């Protein structure tokens, strides 16, 4: 993990970079370590300090984030970086309470940065830690209702000495040994004290309240290409899903969306839908395509020239639309 300091370096007095730790924690929210590694390296190469990130263009940051998902995190990344520069002279505050006042930082991230970057004895509880605590104490109350009890148990174990190393060790324990399926109890350093291992219930914990069925929403997108090769795109509103990202003009996402073409044209429906799953719903997008003349005036969005349009800057769902539609609108 590129944001971590190796044990030997830490012992020699090398401290973690709070900026790198904070960025990793924001990226890791609802995303795996495997997916985050390369994004973290890319961001640190392009914007090596919080001042660099604070001065970046929103569009550049959103484009670099494309594919990582949950785009509100990218907007909060910028807001927080700018607050650190404006209110703290470019230096991250080193306490839980001060970190919690920064935009986009909640209780978990504040605790993680305070502990890992500044060795504050804060209790860091992610999904891995919840699983370890549920098994260690054989807690059968289901999540999310048992969060408070699991956090209290984790707090009892948080040491005053090297709390940052401890926080990362427990998270790693959950990620590599105390795994959701087939936990490797035989090699666990806490095996002798684990109440769930002793009771034979480890594999069944933590219990979770059954999830409701994920609903499906529908939408219509309009992919237009001008005769000079330019593509019609719009910047989505700052609030809401994919806020501030480039995308194709289209309808709302609902049970029965109404057509909202950006202009009158001979729109042709593709035979395939773009399908994508967000946290709380599945999305199915009907794709309408059209080739249009140079003088076309859209009601929303603007035409981007072939040289300025980079499909990789699109969020994943919009890239899926492009991948399905671009062959229909390719240059003859």
Foldseek 3Di string as FASTA:
>chain_A
DVQADDPVVVVVPDFGDLLLQLVQVLLPVVADPVVCPVLSVVCCVQQVALVSLLPDDLLVQLLSCFPSDPSVSSVLSNQQSVCCCVPVVRDDDQALVSNCPGGPDHNQSSQLSNCQRPVAQGQHDDPLQLLQQCQLVVPADAPPVCVVVSSVSSSVPRDSPSSNVVNVVSSVCSVPALDQAPHPLVPRPCNVRGPCNVVVNSNVPDHHDDDDDFAEWEWEFEWEAELQGWTFWAQADQDDGNHRAIATDIFDTHNDTDGDFQDDFPWDWDPAWQWDDDPRHIYTYTYIYGYHYPPDDGNGGDTDHPVPDDLSSHHPSRSSNCVRCVVVVDRD
